[in-house]
């Protein structure tokens, strides 16, 4: 994936990116290497982009010599994120998402490196929505339970020197990356039907806004748990309707469904909207309008 250079509000300390080949990790690595060209990125599957091997099934960061190379903090983005896989393969995914992640955190702390763990809105049951940073977790999926367990146990390892970044849906503006809005636009442009749940509610955020917010929080030395999402709350169905409108496509290509109709191993939480209360208190942080993002992505497909 190719990224534009992102101007950050503040410069984060030198940071290792654990899970640097994924959607979020590769974006963070590109941005942070513009600041610290030799910052380390790791992945289980190497892609030739000067990334080092770390497997959360048996993590070992000693060969990376992170402290020796001046790294102060670590973004932990590596995980098995597939909801259905976590339900089907509980034991294996737990070894990666919980056991291996906690062992990694122990190793980072022992080297004096602050762990920054990326969690999910799936730690909530989705019954009420509008969850604040300190809201009690009550996951209903195995993936959510795994994330919630690391959230709860990281403080025992890192004491007060850690940060949990809790994300909602993250998307980019790049055509063809199949993230949230691009997937809708691609289906609509091809004449397909977008099935969109009228009862799935969440707090999406543009990937560049996520990176800028996290870099700012790092520079400020923020700790504990923080919701990193847009203050906007959306129904998936409304997103699809607005995308169709922006593309000049009839709404009959949007099929209104219930989340309960989706065949899945996991029962998904319906309302995982979050209030980024701590983030909103940081006046320098801005949020890109979701409607503006929809218009940009719609233009990607109108200008074919």
C-alpha atoms as a PDB file:
ATOM      1  CA  UNK A   1       0.000   0.000   0.000  1.00  0.00           C
ATOM      2  CA  UNK A   2       1.257   3.501  -0.844  1.00  0.00           C
ATOM      3  CA  UNK A   3       0.720   6.378   1.568  1.00  0.00           C
ATOM      4  CA  UNK A   4       1.050  10.116   1.302  1.00  0.00           C
ATOM      5  CA  UNK A   5       3.370  11.804   3.749  1.00  0.00           C
ATOM      6  CA  UNK A   6       1.326  12.746   6.804  1.00  0.00           C
ATOM      7  CA  UNK A   7       2.052  15.918   8.730  1.00  0.00           C
ATOM      8  CA  UNK A   8       1.813  15.032  12.405  1.00  0.00           C
ATOM      9  CA  UNK A   9       0.655  17.349  15.184  1.00  0.00           C
ATOM     10  CA  UNK A  10       3.558  16.187  17.352  1.00  0.00           C
ATOM     11  CA  UNK A  11       6.560  13.925  16.906  1.00  0.00           C
ATOM     12  CA  UNK A  12       6.328  10.576  18.723  1.00  0.00           C
ATOM     13  CA  UNK A  13       9.383   8.941  20.320  1.00  0.00           C
ATOM     14  CA  UNK A  14      11.201   6.264  18.359  1.00  0.00           C
ATOM     15  CA  UNK A  15       8.734   3.399  18.132  1.00  0.00           C
ATOM     16  CA  UNK A  16       8.832  -0.243  17.056  1.00  0.00           C
ATOM     17  CA  UNK A  17       5.794  -1.384  15.070  1.00  0.00           C
ATOM     18  CA  UNK A  18       4.752  -4.938  15.978  1.00  0.00           C
ATOM     19  CA  UNK A  19       2.556  -6.158  13.133  1.00  0.00           C
ATOM     20  CA  UNK A  20       3.940  -3.861  10.451  1.00  0.00           C
ATOM     21  CA  UNK A  21       2.608  -5.680   7.398  1.00  0.00           C
ATOM     22  CA  UNK A  22      -1.117  -5.216   8.078  1.00  0.00           C
ATOM     23  CA  UNK A  23      -3.498  -2.421   7.125  1.00  0.00           C
ATOM     24  CA  UNK A  24      -2.777  -0.264  10.172  1.00  0.00           C
ATOM     25  CA  UNK A  25       0.755  -1.434  10.846  1.00  0.00           C
ATOM     26  CA  UNK A  26       2.075  -0.682   7.361  1.00  0.00           C
ATOM     27  CA  UNK A  27       0.581   2.821   7.534  1.00  0.00           C
ATOM     28  CA  UNK A  28       2.182   3.492  10.913  1.00  0.00           C
ATOM     29  CA  UNK A  29       5.535   2.118   9.740  1.00  0.00           C
ATOM     30  CA  UNK A  30       5.555   4.321   6.630  1.00  0.00           C
ATOM     31  CA  UNK A  31       4.688   7.422   8.658  1.00  0.00           C
ATOM     32  CA  UNK A  32       7.061   6.761  11.544  1.00  0.00           C
ATOM     33  CA  UNK A  33       9.982   5.953   9.238  1.00  0.00           C
ATOM     34  CA  UNK A  34       9.620   9.449   7.836  1.00  0.00           C
ATOM     35  CA  UNK A  35      10.610  10.569  11.348  1.00  0.00           C
ATOM     36  CA  UNK A  36      12.926   7.762  12.452  1.00  0.00           C
ATOM     37  CA  UNK A  37      14.148   6.036   9.247  1.00  0.00           C
ATOM     38  CA  UNK A  38      15.587   3.065  11.136  1.00  0.00           C
ATOM     39  CA  UNK A  39      12.624   2.344  13.423  1.00  0.00           C
ATOM     40  CA  UNK A  40      11.943  -1.380  13.482  1.00  0.00           C
ATOM     41  CA  UNK A  41       8.878  -3.039  12.021  1.00  0.00           C
ATOM     42  CA  UNK A  42       8.036  -6.694  12.642  1.00  0.00           C
ATOM     43  CA  UNK A  43       5.740  -9.257  11.076  1.00  0.00           C
ATOM     44  CA  UNK A  44       5.166 -12.993  11.012  1.00  0.00           C
ATOM     45  CA  UNK A  45       5.190 -12.998   7.210  1.00  0.00           C
ATOM     46  CA  UNK A  46       8.029 -10.954   5.768  1.00  0.00           C
ATOM     47  CA  UNK A  47       7.407  -8.867   2.650  1.00  0.00           C
ATOM     48  CA  UNK A  48      10.836  -7.463   1.920  1.00  0.00           C
ATOM     49  CA  UNK A  49      10.181  -3.960   3.289  1.00  0.00           C
ATOM     50  CA  UNK A  50      13.015  -4.167   5.815  1.00  0.00           C
ATOM     51  CA  UNK A  51      10.750  -5.881   8.342  1.00  0.00           C
ATOM     52  CA  UNK A  52      11.984  -8.266  11.027  1.00  0.00           C
ATOM     53  CA  UNK A  53      10.429 -11.582  12.039  1.00  0.00           C
ATOM     54  CA  UNK A  54       8.420 -11.870  15.254  1.00  0.00           C
ATOM     55  CA  UNK A  55       5.812 -14.594  15.784  1.00  0.00           C
ATOM     56  CA  UNK A  56       3.379 -14.042  18.657  1.00  0.00           C
ATOM     57  CA  UNK A  57       3.073 -17.810  19.087  1.00  0.00           C
ATOM     58  CA  UNK A  58       6.590 -17.632  20.487  1.00  0.00           C
ATOM     59  CA  UNK A  59       7.723 -14.012  20.659  1.00  0.00           C
ATOM     60  CA  UNK A  60      11.386 -13.153  21.073  1.00  0.00           C
ATOM     61  CA  UNK A  61      12.409  -9.521  20.670  1.00  0.00           C
ATOM     62  CA  UNK A  62      15.982  -9.895  21.949  1.00  0.00           C
ATOM     63  CA  UNK A  63      17.504 -10.172  18.416  1.00  0.00           C
ATOM     64  CA  UNK A  64      15.912  -6.828  17.482  1.00  0.00           C
ATOM     65  CA  UNK A  65      18.128  -4.940  19.971  1.00  0.00           C
ATOM     66  CA  UNK A  66      15.405  -2.339  20.394  1.00  0.00           C
ATOM     67  CA  UNK A  67      16.829  -0.496  23.392  1.00  0.00           C
ATOM     68  CA  UNK A  68      20.270  -0.465  21.837  1.00  0.00           C
ATOM     69  CA  UNK A  69      18.763   1.136  18.727  1.00  0.00           C
ATOM     70  CA  UNK A  70      17.006   3.821  20.762  1.00  0.00           C
ATOM     71  CA  UNK A  71      13.390   2.619  20.696  1.00  0.00           C
ATOM     72  CA  UNK A  72      11.293   3.993  23.540  1.00  0.00           C
ATOM     73  CA  UNK A  73       7.817   2.669  22.754  1.00  0.00           C
ATOM     74  CA  UNK A  74       6.094  -0.157  20.863  1.00  0.00           C
ATOM     75  CA  UNK A  75       2.818  -0.262  18.949  1.00  0.00           C
ATOM     76  CA  UNK A  76       1.305  -3.746  19.295  1.00  0.00           C
ATOM     77  CA  UNK A  77      -0.861  -4.200  16.211  1.00  0.00           C
ATOM     78  CA  UNK A  78      -0.171  -7.877  15.510  1.00  0.00           C
ATOM     79  CA  UNK A  79      -3.120 -10.187  16.119  1.00  0.00           C
ATOM     80  CA  UNK A  80      -5.468 -12.696  14.542  1.00  0.00           C
ATOM     81  CA  UNK A  81      -8.387 -10.301  13.961  1.00  0.00           C
ATOM     82  CA  UNK A  82     -10.907 -12.512  12.172  1.00  0.00           C
ATOM     83  CA  UNK A  83     -14.043 -12.785  14.303  1.00  0.00           C
ATOM     84  CA  UNK A  84     -15.153 -16.148  12.891  1.00  0.00           C
ATOM     85  CA  UNK A  85     -11.683 -17.671  13.189  1.00  0.00           C
ATOM     86  CA  UNK A  86     -11.485 -16.688  16.845  1.00  0.00           C
ATOM     87  CA  UNK A  87     -14.771 -18.530  17.445  1.00  0.00           C
ATOM     88  CA  UNK A  88     -13.703 -21.645  15.536  1.00  0.00           C
ATOM     89  CA  UNK A  89     -10.105 -21.783  16.766  1.00  0.00           C
ATOM     90  CA  UNK A  90     -10.334 -20.479  20.314  1.00  0.00           C
ATOM     91  CA  UNK A  91      -7.213 -22.221  21.586  1.00  0.00           C
ATOM     92  CA  UNK A  92      -4.900 -21.179  18.753  1.00  0.00           C
ATOM     93  CA  UNK A  93      -6.119 -17.583  18.542  1.00  0.00           C
ATOM     94  CA  UNK A  94      -5.882 -17.213  22.328  1.00  0.00           C
ATOM     95  CA  UNK A  95      -2.248 -18.339  22.183  1.00  0.00           C
ATOM     96  CA  UNK A  96      -1.569 -15.453  19.789  1.00  0.00           C
ATOM     97  CA  UNK A  97      -3.989 -12.747  20.890  1.00  0.00           C
ATOM     98  CA  UNK A  98      -3.604 -13.241  24.641  1.00  0.00           C
ATOM     99  CA  UNK A  99      -0.705 -15.473  25.719  1.00  0.00           C
ATOM    100  CA  UNK A 100       1.780 -14.365  23.069  1.00  0.00           C
ATOM    101  CA  UNK A 101       0.760 -10.730  23.336  1.00  0.00           C
ATOM    102  CA  UNK A 102       1.195 -10.685  27.126  1.00  0.00           C
ATOM    103  CA  UNK A 103       4.590 -12.395  26.798  1.00  0.00           C
ATOM    104  CA  UNK A 104       5.588  -9.752  24.250  1.00  0.00           C
ATOM    105  CA  UNK A 105       4.492  -7.019  26.654  1.00  0.00           C
ATOM    106  CA  UNK A 106       6.619  -8.585  29.418  1.00  0.00           C
ATOM    107  CA  UNK A 107       9.662  -8.586  27.147  1.00  0.00           C
ATOM    108  CA  UNK A 108       9.093  -4.966  26.108  1.00  0.00           C
ATOM    109  CA  UNK A 109       8.694  -3.821  29.713  1.00  0.00           C
ATOM    110  CA  UNK A 110      11.838  -5.666  30.737  1.00  0.00           C
ATOM    111  CA  UNK A 111      13.717  -3.626  28.127  1.00  0.00           C
ATOM    112  CA  UNK A 112      12.208  -0.364  29.375  1.00  0.00           C
ATOM    113  CA  UNK A 113       9.954   0.052  26.341  1.00  0.00           C
ATOM    114  CA  UNK A 114       6.412   1.373  26.835  1.00  0.00           C
ATOM    115  CA  UNK A 115       3.800  -0.984  25.334  1.00  0.00           C
ATOM    116  CA  UNK A 116       0.917   0.516  23.359  1.00  0.00           C
ATOM    117  CA  UNK A 117      -1.720  -2.145  22.803  1.00  0.00           C
ATOM    118  CA  UNK A 118      -4.376  -1.759  20.112  1.00  0.00           C
ATOM    119  CA  UNK A 119      -7.746  -3.010  21.274  1.00  0.00           C
ATOM    120  CA  UNK A 120     -11.237  -3.001  19.783  1.00  0.00           C
ATOM    121  CA  UNK A 121     -14.780  -1.774  20.310  1.00  0.00           C
ATOM    122  CA  UNK A 122     -15.670  -5.491  20.395  1.00  0.00           C
ATOM    123  CA  UNK A 123     -14.759  -5.503  24.098  1.00  0.00           C
ATOM    124  CA  UNK A 124     -18.318  -4.182  24.594  1.00  0.00           C
ATOM    125  CA  UNK A 125     -21.568  -6.147  24.353  1.00  0.00           C
ATOM    126  CA  UNK A 126     -23.220  -3.574  22.087  1.00  0.00           C
ATOM    127  CA  UNK A 127     -26.393  -3.319  24.137  1.00  0.00           C
ATOM    128  CA  UNK A 128     -26.287   0.432  24.843  1.00  0.00           C
ATOM    129  CA  UNK A 129     -23.494   2.066  22.848  1.00  0.00           C
ATOM    130  CA  UNK A 130     -21.842   5.413  23.558  1.00  0.00           C
ATOM    131  CA  UNK A 131     -19.165   3.706  25.638  1.00  0.00           C
ATOM    132  CA  UNK A 132     -16.695   6.039  27.331  1.00  0.00           C
ATOM    133  CA  UNK A 133     -13.006   5.319  27.886  1.00  0.00           C
ATOM    134  CA  UNK A 134     -13.567   3.833  31.340  1.00  0.00           C
ATOM    135  CA  UNK A 135     -16.750   1.899  30.511  1.00  0.00           C
ATOM    136  CA  UNK A 136     -16.900  -1.666  31.807  1.00  0.00           C
ATOM    137  CA  UNK A 137     -16.156  -4.291  29.168  1.00  0.00           C
ATOM    138  CA  UNK A 138     -18.534  -7.176  28.538  1.00  0.00           C
ATOM    139  CA  UNK A 139     -17.599  -8.894  25.267  1.00  0.00           C
ATOM    140  CA  UNK A 140     -19.916 -11.376  23.561  1.00  0.00           C
ATOM    141  CA  UNK A 141     -17.399 -12.676  20.986  1.00  0.00           C
ATOM    142  CA  UNK A 142     -14.228 -14.665  21.542  1.00  0.00           C
ATOM    143  CA  UNK A 143     -12.214 -11.960  19.766  1.00  0.00           C
ATOM    144  CA  UNK A 144     -13.661  -9.355  22.127  1.00  0.00           C
ATOM    145  CA  UNK A 145     -12.927 -11.535  25.148  1.00  0.00           C
ATOM    146  CA  UNK A 146      -9.310 -11.889  24.067  1.00  0.00           C
ATOM    147  CA  UNK A 147      -8.883  -8.157  23.617  1.00  0.00           C
ATOM    148  CA  UNK A 148     -10.599  -7.432  26.934  1.00  0.00           C
ATOM    149  CA  UNK A 149      -8.320  -9.853  28.761  1.00  0.00           C
ATOM    150  CA  UNK A 150      -5.192  -8.106  27.513  1.00  0.00           C
ATOM    151  CA  UNK A 151      -6.731  -4.735  28.430  1.00  0.00           C
ATOM    152  CA  UNK A 152      -7.263  -6.016  31.961  1.00  0.00           C
ATOM    153  CA  UNK A 153      -3.879  -7.697  32.414  1.00  0.00           C
ATOM    154  CA  UNK A 154      -1.495  -5.219  30.781  1.00  0.00           C
ATOM    155  CA  UNK A 155      -1.548  -2.985  33.863  1.00  0.00           C
ATOM    156  CA  UNK A 156      -0.234  -5.829  36.047  1.00  0.00           C
ATOM    157  CA  UNK A 157       2.814  -6.125  33.801  1.00  0.00           C
ATOM    158  CA  UNK A 158       3.492  -2.513  32.829  1.00  0.00           C
ATOM    159  CA  UNK A 159       2.150  -0.841  36.003  1.00  0.00           C
ATOM    160  CA  UNK A 160       1.268   2.727  34.988  1.00  0.00           C
ATOM    161  CA  UNK A 161       3.502   2.925  31.922  1.00  0.00           C
ATOM    162  CA  UNK A 162       1.248   1.624  29.153  1.00  0.00           C
ATOM    163  CA  UNK A 163      -1.395   2.826  26.732  1.00  0.00           C
ATOM    164  CA  UNK A 164      -4.406   0.944  25.363  1.00  0.00           C
ATOM    165  CA  UNK A 165      -5.731   2.381  22.094  1.00  0.00           C
ATOM    166  CA  UNK A 166      -9.305   1.200  21.621  1.00  0.00           C
ATOM    167  CA  UNK A 167     -10.415   1.445  17.995  1.00  0.00           C
ATOM    168  CA  UNK A 168     -13.711   1.285  16.132  1.00  0.00           C
ATOM    169  CA  UNK A 169     -13.887   0.813  12.351  1.00  0.00           C
ATOM    170  CA  UNK A 170     -10.816   2.241  10.603  1.00  0.00           C
ATOM    171  CA  UNK A 171     -10.793   3.015   6.884  1.00  0.00           C
ATOM    172  CA  UNK A 172      -8.671   4.793   4.300  1.00  0.00           C
ATOM    173  CA  UNK A 173      -9.377   6.884   1.212  1.00  0.00           C
ATOM    174  CA  UNK A 174      -7.335   4.653  -1.087  1.00  0.00           C
ATOM    175  CA  UNK A 175      -9.203   3.114  -3.973  1.00  0.00           C
ATOM    176  CA  UNK A 176      -9.141  -0.663  -3.989  1.00  0.00           C
ATOM    177  CA  UNK A 177      -8.007  -1.298  -0.414  1.00  0.00           C
ATOM    178  CA  UNK A 178     -11.390  -2.859   0.450  1.00  0.00           C
ATOM    179  CA  UNK A 179     -11.673  -0.997   3.745  1.00  0.00           C
ATOM    180  CA  UNK A 180     -15.115  -0.005   5.041  1.00  0.00           C
ATOM    181  CA  UNK A 181     -16.172   2.729   2.597  1.00  0.00           C
ATOM    182  CA  UNK A 182     -14.119   1.591  -0.385  1.00  0.00           C
ATOM    183  CA  UNK A 183     -15.771  -1.825  -0.268  1.00  0.00           C
ATOM    184  CA  UNK A 184     -19.219  -0.215  -0.465  1.00  0.00           C
ATOM    185  CA  UNK A 185     -18.195   2.054  -3.338  1.00  0.00           C
ATOM    186  CA  UNK A 186     -16.607  -0.792  -5.287  1.00  0.00           C
ATOM    187  CA  UNK A 187     -19.740  -2.952  -5.062  1.00  0.00           C
ATOM    188  CA  UNK A 188     -21.999  -0.080  -6.057  1.00  0.00           C
ATOM    189  CA  UNK A 189     -19.783   0.897  -8.991  1.00  0.00           C
ATOM    190  CA  UNK A 190     -19.908  -2.649 -10.347  1.00  0.00           C
ATOM    191  CA  UNK A 191     -23.709  -2.702 -10.170  1.00  0.00           C
ATOM    192  CA  UNK A 192     -23.814  -4.980  -7.163  1.00  0.00           C
ATOM    193  CA  UNK A 193     -26.021  -4.923  -4.097  1.00  0.00           C
ATOM    194  CA  UNK A 194     -24.630  -3.658  -0.802  1.00  0.00           C
ATOM    195  CA  UNK A 195     -26.152  -5.501   2.152  1.00  0.00           C
ATOM    196  CA  UNK A 196     -26.093  -3.043   5.038  1.00  0.00           C
ATOM    197  CA  UNK A 197     -27.386  -3.631   8.550  1.00  0.00           C
ATOM    198  CA  UNK A 198     -29.784  -1.040   9.921  1.00  0.00           C
ATOM    199  CA  UNK A 199     -28.904  -2.067  13.485  1.00  0.00           C
ATOM    200  CA  UNK A 200     -25.112  -2.090  13.323  1.00  0.00           C
ATOM    201  CA  UNK A 201     -23.884   1.119  14.916  1.00  0.00           C
ATOM    202  CA  UNK A 202     -20.248   2.137  15.325  1.00  0.00           C
ATOM    203  CA  UNK A 203     -17.744   4.986  15.402  1.00  0.00           C
ATOM    204  CA  UNK A 204     -15.575   4.969  12.257  1.00  0.00           C
ATOM    205  CA  UNK A 205     -12.343   6.904  11.840  1.00  0.00           C
ATOM    206  CA  UNK A 206     -10.033   7.754   8.945  1.00  0.00           C
ATOM    207  CA  UNK A 207      -6.676   5.985   9.200  1.00  0.00           C
ATOM    208  CA  UNK A 208      -4.642   9.193   8.931  1.00  0.00           C
ATOM    209  CA  UNK A 209      -6.625  10.625  11.858  1.00  0.00           C
ATOM    210  CA  UNK A 210      -5.843   7.485  13.880  1.00  0.00           C
ATOM    211  CA  UNK A 211      -2.122   7.813  13.192  1.00  0.00           C
ATOM    212  CA  UNK A 212      -2.093  11.501  14.028  1.00  0.00           C
ATOM    213  CA  UNK A 213      -4.005  10.945  17.259  1.00  0.00           C
ATOM    214  CA  UNK A 214      -1.770   8.081  18.411  1.00  0.00           C
ATOM    215  CA  UNK A 215       1.418  10.005  17.586  1.00  0.00           C
ATOM    216  CA  UNK A 216       0.073  12.957  19.567  1.00  0.00           C
ATOM    217  CA  UNK A 217      -0.807  10.764  22.556  1.00  0.00           C
ATOM    218  CA  UNK A 218       2.646   9.209  22.446  1.00  0.00           C
ATOM    219  CA  UNK A 219       4.352  12.589  22.361  1.00  0.00           C
ATOM    220  CA  UNK A 220       2.275  13.722  25.309  1.00  0.00           C
ATOM    221  CA  UNK A 221       3.007  10.579  27.316  1.00  0.00           C
ATOM    222  CA  UNK A 222      -0.641   9.532  27.649  1.00  0.00           C
ATOM    223  CA  UNK A 223      -1.296   6.341  29.620  1.00  0.00           C
ATOM    224  CA  UNK A 224      -4.136   3.945  30.532  1.00  0.00           C
ATOM    225  CA  UNK A 225      -7.088   3.321  28.163  1.00  0.00           C
ATOM    226  CA  UNK A 226      -8.358   5.721  25.530  1.00  0.00           C
ATOM    227  CA  UNK A 227     -11.017   5.440  22.825  1.00  0.00           C
ATOM    228  CA  UNK A 228      -9.518   6.503  19.501  1.00  0.00           C
ATOM    229  CA  UNK A 229     -12.437   7.037  17.155  1.00  0.00           C
ATOM    230  CA  UNK A 230     -14.398   9.806  15.510  1.00  0.00           C
ATOM    231  CA  UNK A 231     -17.074  11.422  17.697  1.00  0.00           C
ATOM    232  CA  UNK A 232     -19.490  10.686  14.836  1.00  0.00           C
ATOM    233  CA  UNK A 233     -21.788   7.685  15.239  1.00  0.00           C
ATOM    234  CA  UNK A 234     -23.093   5.900  12.146  1.00  0.00           C
ATOM    235  CA  UNK A 235     -25.420   3.087  11.134  1.00  0.00           C
ATOM    236  CA  UNK A 236     -23.851   0.896   8.472  1.00  0.00           C
ATOM    237  CA  UNK A 237     -27.089   1.279   6.472  1.00  0.00           C
ATOM    238  CA  UNK A 238     -26.860   5.082   6.559  1.00  0.00           C
ATOM    239  CA  UNK A 239     -23.243   4.958   5.398  1.00  0.00           C
ATOM    240  CA  UNK A 240     -24.279   2.866   2.416  1.00  0.00           C
ATOM    241  CA  UNK A 241     -27.143   5.186   1.542  1.00  0.00           C
ATOM    242  CA  UNK A 242     -24.904   8.247   1.678  1.00  0.00           C
ATOM    243  CA  UNK A 243     -22.283   6.517  -0.465  1.00  0.00           C
ATOM    244  CA  UNK A 244     -24.895   5.661  -3.091  1.00  0.00           C
ATOM    245  CA  UNK A 245     -26.144   9.261  -3.085  1.00  0.00           C
ATOM    246  CA  UNK A 246     -22.602  10.629  -3.451  1.00  0.00           C
ATOM    247  CA  UNK A 247     -21.995   8.303  -6.404  1.00  0.00           C
ATOM    248  CA  UNK A 248     -25.294   9.214  -8.079  1.00  0.00           C
ATOM    249  CA  UNK A 249     -26.565   5.647  -7.726  1.00  0.00           C
ATOM    250  CA  UNK A 250     -30.135   4.680  -6.869  1.00  0.00           C
ATOM    251  CA  UNK A 251     -30.750   3.514  -3.335  1.00  0.00           C
ATOM    252  CA  UNK A 252     -32.308   0.278  -4.638  1.00  0.00           C
ATOM    253  CA  UNK A 253     -28.739  -1.068  -4.753  1.00  0.00           C
ATOM    254  CA  UNK A 254     -28.705  -0.897  -0.950  1.00  0.00           C
ATOM    255  CA  UNK A 255     -30.331  -3.876   0.740  1.00  0.00           C
ATOM    256  CA  UNK A 256     -31.469  -3.085   4.270  1.00  0.00           C
ATOM    257  CA  UNK A 257     -30.855  -6.079   6.520  1.00  0.00           C
ATOM    258  CA  UNK A 258     -30.603  -6.914  10.202  1.00  0.00           C
ATOM    259  CA  UNK A 259     -27.279  -7.894  11.712  1.00  0.00           C
ATOM    260  CA  UNK A 260     -29.065 -11.013  12.942  1.00  0.00           C
ATOM    261  CA  UNK A 261     -29.533 -12.150   9.328  1.00  0.00           C
ATOM    262  CA  UNK A 262     -25.804 -12.436   8.687  1.00  0.00           C
ATOM    263  CA  UNK A 263     -24.654 -16.049   8.851  1.00  0.00           C
ATOM    264  CA  UNK A 264     -21.711 -16.184  11.201  1.00  0.00           C
ATOM    265  CA  UNK A 265     -20.116 -18.325  13.866  1.00  0.00           C
ATOM    266  CA  UNK A 266     -20.156 -15.289  16.158  1.00  0.00           C
ATOM    267  CA  UNK A 267     -23.039 -13.167  17.374  1.00  0.00           C
ATOM    268  CA  UNK A 268     -21.791  -9.638  16.746  1.00  0.00           C
ATOM    269  CA  UNK A 269     -22.419  -6.681  19.066  1.00  0.00           C
ATOM    270  CA  UNK A 270     -24.898  -4.267  17.496  1.00  0.00           C
ATOM    271  CA  UNK A 271     -24.034  -0.895  18.997  1.00  0.00           C
ATOM    272  CA  UNK A 272     -20.328  -0.450  19.674  1.00  0.00           C
ATOM    273  CA  UNK A 273     -20.349   3.330  19.321  1.00  0.00           C
ATOM    274  CA  UNK A 274     -17.812   4.987  21.588  1.00  0.00           C
ATOM    275  CA  UNK A 275     -17.382   8.458  23.042  1.00  0.00           C
ATOM    276  CA  UNK A 276     -13.737   9.540  22.698  1.00  0.00           C
ATOM    277  CA  UNK A 277     -13.961  11.700  25.807  1.00  0.00           C
ATOM    278  CA  UNK A 278     -10.245  11.797  26.596  1.00  0.00           C
ATOM    279  CA  UNK A 279      -9.362  12.382  22.948  1.00  0.00           C
ATOM    280  CA  UNK A 280     -11.856  15.239  22.622  1.00  0.00           C
ATOM    281  CA  UNK A 281     -10.185  16.974  25.555  1.00  0.00           C
ATOM    282  CA  UNK A 282      -7.038  17.299  23.421  1.00  0.00           C
ATOM    283  CA  UNK A 283      -7.899  20.451  21.500  1.00  0.00           C
ATOM    284  CA  UNK A 284      -5.154  19.977  18.888  1.00  0.00           C
ATOM    285  CA  UNK A 285      -6.678  16.750  17.617  1.00  0.00           C
ATOM    286  CA  UNK A 286      -9.092  17.129  14.724  1.00  0.00           C
ATOM    287  CA  UNK A 287     -11.406  14.637  13.025  1.00  0.00           C
ATOM    288  CA  UNK A 288     -12.101  14.375   9.318  1.00  0.00           C
ATOM    289  CA  UNK A 289     -15.826  14.468   8.560  1.00  0.00           C
ATOM    290  CA  UNK A 290     -17.136  11.043   7.523  1.00  0.00           C
ATOM    291  CA  UNK A 291     -19.383  12.714   4.941  1.00  0.00           C
ATOM    292  CA  UNK A 292     -16.307  14.379   3.428  1.00  0.00           C
ATOM    293  CA  UNK A 293     -14.575  11.002   3.272  1.00  0.00           C
ATOM    294  CA  UNK A 294     -17.591   9.482   1.521  1.00  0.00           C
ATOM    295  CA  UNK A 295     -17.467  12.204  -1.141  1.00  0.00           C
ATOM    296  CA  UNK A 296     -13.751  11.614  -1.748  1.00  0.00           C
ATOM    297  CA  UNK A 297     -14.203   7.857  -2.124  1.00  0.00           C
ATOM    298  CA  UNK A 298     -17.257   8.334  -4.346  1.00  0.00           C
ATOM    299  CA  UNK A 299     -15.129  10.538  -6.602  1.00  0.00           C
ATOM    300  CA  UNK A 300     -12.542   7.729  -6.827  1.00  0.00           C
ATOM    301  CA  UNK A 301     -15.166   5.634  -8.591  1.00  0.00           C
ATOM    302  CA  UNK A 302     -16.926   8.368 -10.577  1.00  0.00           C
ATOM    303  CA  UNK A 303     -13.655   9.404 -12.205  1.00  0.00           C
ATOM    304  CA  UNK A 304     -13.004   6.059 -13.916  1.00  0.00           C
END
